[in-house]
PDB file of N, CA and C in Angstrom:
ATOM      1  N   UNK A   1      88.956  98.833  83.615  1.00  0.00           N
ATOM      2  CA  UNK A   1      88.686  98.915  84.750  1.00  0.00           C
ATOM      3  C   UNK A   1      89.838  98.518  85.755  1.00  0.00           C
ATOM      4  N   UNK A   2      89.654  97.756  86.450  1.00  0.00           N
ATOM      5  CA  UNK A   2      91.261  97.315  87.513  1.00  0.00           C
ATOM      6  C   UNK A   2      92.172  97.708  87.324  1.00  0.00           C
ATOM      7  N   UNK A   3      92.705  97.961  86.089  1.00  0.00           N
ATOM      8  CA  UNK A   3      94.045  98.907  86.091  1.00  0.00           C
ATOM      9  C   UNK A   3      93.555 100.567  86.536  1.00  0.00           C
ATOM     10  N   UNK A   4      92.119 100.998  86.481  1.00  0.00           N
ATOM     11  CA  UNK A   4      92.156 102.131  86.964  1.00  0.00           C
ATOM     12  C   UNK A   4      92.326 102.067  89.106  1.00  0.00           C
ATOM     13  N   UNK A   5      91.645 101.445  89.018  1.00  0.00           N
ATOM     14  CA  UNK A   5      91.165 101.082  90.489  1.00  0.00           C
ATOM     15  C   UNK A   5      92.589 100.436  91.040  1.00  0.00           C
ATOM     16  N   UNK A   6      93.539 100.112  90.701  1.00  0.00           N
ATOM     17  CA  UNK A   6      95.380  99.388  90.718  1.00  0.00           C
ATOM     18  C   UNK A   6      95.836 101.588  91.128  1.00  0.00           C
ATOM     19  N   UNK A   7      95.378 101.885  90.009  1.00  0.00           N
ATOM     20  CA  UNK A   7      95.936 103.175  89.722  1.00  0.00           C
ATOM     21  C   UNK A   7      95.516 103.757  91.129  1.00  0.00           C
ATOM     22  N   UNK A   8      93.594 103.995  91.229  1.00  0.00           N
ATOM     23  CA  UNK A   8      93.654 104.735  92.463  1.00  0.00           C
ATOM     24  C   UNK A   8      94.242 104.369  93.941  1.00  0.00           C
ATOM     25  N   UNK A   9      94.424 103.131  94.146  1.00  0.00           N
ATOM     26  CA  UNK A   9      95.144 102.133  94.897  1.00  0.00           C
ATOM     27  C   UNK A   9      96.233 103.037  95.591  1.00  0.00           C
ATOM     28  N   UNK A  10      96.755 103.908  94.626  1.00  0.00           N
ATOM     29  CA  UNK A  10      98.468 104.244  94.717  1.00  0.00           C
ATOM     30  C   UNK A  10      98.114 105.528  95.894  1.00  0.00           C
ATOM     31  N   UNK A  11      97.322 106.078  95.657  1.00  0.00           N
ATOM     32  CA  UNK A  11      97.001 107.448  96.317  1.00  0.00           C
ATOM     33  C   UNK A  11      95.463 106.956  97.807  1.00  0.00           C
ATOM     34  N   UNK A  12      95.343 105.695  97.956  1.00  0.00           N
ATOM     35  CA  UNK A  12      94.061 105.618  98.872  1.00  0.00           C
ATOM     36  C   UNK A  12      93.893 104.157  98.784  1.00  0.00           C
ATOM     37  N   UNK A  13      93.728 103.993 100.073  1.00  0.00           N
ATOM     38  CA  UNK A  13      93.840 102.510 100.407  1.00  0.00           C
ATOM     39  C   UNK A  13      92.812 101.918  99.618  1.00  0.00           C
ATOM     40  N   UNK A  14      92.586 100.540  99.282  1.00  0.00           N
ATOM     41  CA  UNK A  14      91.842  99.643  98.559  1.00  0.00           C
ATOM     42  C   UNK A  14      90.292  99.753  99.909  1.00  0.00           C
ATOM     43  N   UNK A  15      90.073  99.966 100.834  1.00  0.00           N
ATOM     44  CA  UNK A  15      89.569  99.994 101.703  1.00  0.00           C
ATOM     45  C   UNK A  15      88.235 101.196 101.334  1.00  0.00           C
ATOM     46  N   UNK A  16      89.240 102.250 100.882  1.00  0.00           N
ATOM     47  CA  UNK A  16      88.272 103.849 100.804  1.00  0.00           C
ATOM     48  C   UNK A  16      88.241 103.769  99.338  1.00  0.00           C
ATOM     49  N   UNK A  17      88.378 102.206  98.338  1.00  0.00           N
ATOM     50  CA  UNK A  17      87.489 102.633  96.865  1.00  0.00           C
ATOM     51  C   UNK A  17      86.123 101.408  96.832  1.00  0.00           C
ATOM     52  N   UNK A  18      85.783 101.651  96.080  1.00  0.00           N
ATOM     53  CA  UNK A  18      84.452 101.586  95.814  1.00  0.00           C
ATOM     54  C   UNK A  18      84.734 101.192  94.127  1.00  0.00           C
ATOM     55  N   UNK A  19      83.188 100.535  93.839  1.00  0.00           N
ATOM     56  CA  UNK A  19      82.852 100.390  92.153  1.00  0.00           C
ATOM     57  C   UNK A  19      81.282 101.631  92.309  1.00  0.00           C
ATOM     58  N   UNK A  20      81.234 102.034  91.401  1.00  0.00           N
ATOM     59  CA  UNK A  20      79.591 102.644  91.342  1.00  0.00           C
ATOM     60  C   UNK A  20      78.676 102.086  90.048  1.00  0.00           C
ATOM     61  N   UNK A  21      77.945 101.539  90.710  1.00  0.00           N
ATOM     62  CA  UNK A  21      76.970 100.422  90.183  1.00  0.00           C
ATOM     63  C   UNK A  21      75.854 101.479  88.905  1.00  0.00           C
ATOM     64  N   UNK A  22      75.923 102.563  89.225  1.00  0.00           N
ATOM     65  CA  UNK A  22      74.564 103.459  89.069  1.00  0.00           C
ATOM     66  C   UNK A  22      75.454 104.528  87.397  1.00  0.00           C
ATOM     67  N   UNK A  23      76.819 103.928  86.774  1.00  0.00           N
ATOM     68  CA  UNK A  23      77.241 104.515  85.782  1.00  0.00           C
ATOM     69  C   UNK A  23      76.182 103.699  84.692  1.00  0.00           C
ATOM     70  N   UNK A  24      75.752 104.389  83.953  1.00  0.00           N
ATOM     71  CA  UNK A  24      75.011 103.538  82.691  1.00  0.00           C
ATOM     72  C   UNK A  24      73.569 103.470  82.952  1.00  0.00           C
ATOM     73  N   UNK A  25      72.833 103.634  84.717  1.00  0.00           N
ATOM     74  CA  UNK A  25      71.750 102.885  84.963  1.00  0.00           C
ATOM     75  C   UNK A  25      70.806 104.056  84.788  1.00  0.00           C
ATOM     76  N   UNK A  26      71.500 105.297  85.472  1.00  0.00           N
ATOM     77  CA  UNK A  26      70.894 106.368  86.017  1.00  0.00           C
ATOM     78  C   UNK A  26      70.162 106.822  85.077  1.00  0.00           C
ATOM     79  N   UNK A  27      70.551 106.464  83.551  1.00  0.00           N
ATOM     80  CA  UNK A  27      70.008 107.610  82.688  1.00  0.00           C
ATOM     81  C   UNK A  27      68.844 107.114  81.394  1.00  0.00           C
ATOM     82  N   UNK A  28      68.519 105.355  82.225  1.00  0.00           N
ATOM     83  CA  UNK A  28      68.388 104.364  81.001  1.00  0.00           C
ATOM     84  C   UNK A  28      66.728 104.987  80.741  1.00  0.00           C
ATOM     85  N   UNK A  29      65.655 105.877  81.161  1.00  0.00           N
ATOM     86  CA  UNK A  29      64.736 105.338  80.641  1.00  0.00           C
ATOM     87  C   UNK A  29      64.951 106.521  79.713  1.00  0.00           C
ATOM     88  N   UNK A  30      65.698 107.873  80.110  1.00  0.00           N
ATOM     89  CA  UNK A  30      65.607 108.824  79.115  1.00  0.00           C
ATOM     90  C   UNK A  30      66.594 108.661  77.822  1.00  0.00           C
ATOM     91  N   UNK A  31      68.137 108.416  78.486  1.00  0.00           N
ATOM     92  CA  UNK A  31      68.636 108.339  76.736  1.00  0.00           C
ATOM     93  C   UNK A  31      69.498 107.411  76.718  1.00  0.00           C
ATOM     94  N   UNK A  32      69.821 106.521  77.388  1.00  0.00           N
ATOM     95  CA  UNK A  32      70.629 105.413  77.768  1.00  0.00           C
ATOM     96  C   UNK A  32      70.098 104.066  77.638  1.00  0.00           C
ATOM     97  N   UNK A  33      69.157 103.813  76.747  1.00  0.00           N
ATOM     98  CA  UNK A  33      68.553 102.433  76.767  1.00  0.00           C
ATOM     99  C   UNK A  33      69.374 101.644  77.061  1.00  0.00           C
ATOM    100  N   UNK A  34      69.418 100.557  77.732  1.00  0.00           N
ATOM    101  CA  UNK A  34      69.684  99.126  77.931  1.00  0.00           C
ATOM    102  C   UNK A  34      68.821  97.845  78.085  1.00  0.00           C
ATOM    103  N   UNK A  35      69.402  96.980  77.672  1.00  0.00           N
ATOM    104  CA  UNK A  35      68.106  95.910  77.977  1.00  0.00           C
ATOM    105  C   UNK A  35      68.244  94.936  79.378  1.00  0.00           C
ATOM    106  N   UNK A  36      67.702  94.477  79.592  1.00  0.00           N
ATOM    107  CA  UNK A  36      67.452  93.717  80.544  1.00  0.00           C
ATOM    108  C   UNK A  36      68.467  92.775  80.624  1.00  0.00           C
ATOM    109  N   UNK A  37      68.805  91.693  79.939  1.00  0.00           N
ATOM    110  CA  UNK A  37      70.066  91.217  79.911  1.00  0.00           C
ATOM    111  C   UNK A  37      71.450  92.464  80.164  1.00  0.00           C
ATOM    112  N   UNK A  38      71.385  93.399  79.530  1.00  0.00           N
ATOM    113  CA  UNK A  38      72.738  94.346  79.344  1.00  0.00           C
ATOM    114  C   UNK A  38      73.158  94.432  80.512  1.00  0.00           C
ATOM    115  N   UNK A  39      71.686  94.943  81.189  1.00  0.00           N
ATOM    116  CA  UNK A  39      71.972  95.155  82.812  1.00  0.00           C
ATOM    117  C   UNK A  39      72.264  94.257  84.038  1.00  0.00           C
ATOM    118  N   UNK A  40      71.967  92.826  83.447  1.00  0.00           N
ATOM    119  CA  UNK A  40      72.306  91.917  84.229  1.00  0.00           C
ATOM    120  C   UNK A  40      73.637  91.103  84.544  1.00  0.00           C
ATOM    121  N   UNK A  41      74.478  91.625  82.922  1.00  0.00           N
ATOM    122  CA  UNK A  41      75.845  91.757  82.082  1.00  0.00           C
ATOM    123  C   UNK A  41      76.487  92.185  82.847  1.00  0.00           C
ATOM    124  N   UNK A  42      76.356  93.542  83.013  1.00  0.00           N
ATOM    125  CA  UNK A  42      77.184  94.621  83.985  1.00  0.00           C
ATOM    126  C   UNK A  42      77.056  94.788  85.451  1.00  0.00           C
ATOM    127  N   UNK A  43      75.833  94.283  85.672  1.00  0.00           N
ATOM    128  CA  UNK A  43      76.097  93.651  87.259  1.00  0.00           C
ATOM    129  C   UNK A  43      77.243  92.584  87.667  1.00  0.00           C
ATOM    130  N   UNK A  44      76.946  91.863  86.599  1.00  0.00           N
ATOM    131  CA  UNK A  44      77.774  90.371  86.884  1.00  0.00           C
ATOM    132  C   UNK A  44      78.800  90.994  87.432  1.00  0.00           C
ATOM    133  N   UNK A  45      80.077  91.371  85.810  1.00  0.00           N
ATOM    134  CA  UNK A  45      81.274  92.044  85.693  1.00  0.00           C
ATOM    135  C   UNK A  45      81.113  93.024  87.429  1.00  0.00           C
ATOM    136  N   UNK A  46      80.350  93.597  87.012  1.00  0.00           N
ATOM    137  CA  UNK A  46      80.935  94.408  88.602  1.00  0.00           C
ATOM    138  C   UNK A  46      81.146  93.722  89.697  1.00  0.00           C
ATOM    139  N   UNK A  47      80.340  92.695  90.078  1.00  0.00           N
ATOM    140  CA  UNK A  47      80.859  91.583  90.771  1.00  0.00           C
ATOM    141  C   UNK A  47      81.840  90.834  91.055  1.00  0.00           C
ATOM    142  N   UNK A  48      82.290  90.300  89.602  1.00  0.00           N
ATOM    143  CA  UNK A  48      83.584  89.765  89.196  1.00  0.00           C
ATOM    144  C   UNK A  48      84.670  90.746  89.419  1.00  0.00           C
ATOM    145  N   UNK A  49      84.800  91.598  89.524  1.00  0.00           N
ATOM    146  CA  UNK A  49      85.343  92.947  89.773  1.00  0.00           C
ATOM    147  C   UNK A  49      86.064  92.948  90.639  1.00  0.00           C
ATOM    148  N   UNK A  50      85.025  93.219  91.376  1.00  0.00           N
ATOM    149  CA  UNK A  50      85.174  93.423  93.289  1.00  0.00           C
ATOM    150  C   UNK A  50      85.380  92.171  93.886  1.00  0.00           C
ATOM    151  N   UNK A  51      85.115  91.113  93.199  1.00  0.00           N
ATOM    152  CA  UNK A  51      85.318  90.148  94.094  1.00  0.00           C
ATOM    153  C   UNK A  51      86.967  89.319  93.733  1.00  0.00           C
ATOM    154  N   UNK A  52      87.950  90.021  92.909  1.00  0.00           N
ATOM    155  CA  UNK A  52      88.841  90.155  92.088  1.00  0.00           C
ATOM    156  C   UNK A  52      89.629  90.948  92.849  1.00  0.00           C
ATOM    157  N   UNK A  53      89.396  92.175  92.947  1.00  0.00           N
ATOM    158  CA  UNK A  53      90.317  93.542  93.720  1.00  0.00           C
ATOM    159  C   UNK A  53      90.119  93.554  95.205  1.00  0.00           C
ATOM    160  N   UNK A  54      88.697  92.860  95.967  1.00  0.00           N
ATOM    161  CA  UNK A  54      88.691  92.892  97.103  1.00  0.00           C
ATOM    162  C   UNK A  54      88.485  91.535  97.752  1.00  0.00           C
ATOM    163  N   UNK A  55      89.226  90.576  97.248  1.00  0.00           N
ATOM    164  CA  UNK A  55      88.806  89.440  98.003  1.00  0.00           C
ATOM    165  C   UNK A  55      88.848  89.248  99.407  1.00  0.00           C
TER     166      UNK A  55
END
């Protein structure tokens, strides 16, 4: 994911880029059931990536 952000930064400034936390959550009730712990792991990972990229 970090490599993809860095690649996108070749075309747009980091200030115009972001992470979408909805991915994998929107269809949770119907087709993409994930556990409570998995949800929090995903949020933690997204936070770590954001802190690394946008210090």
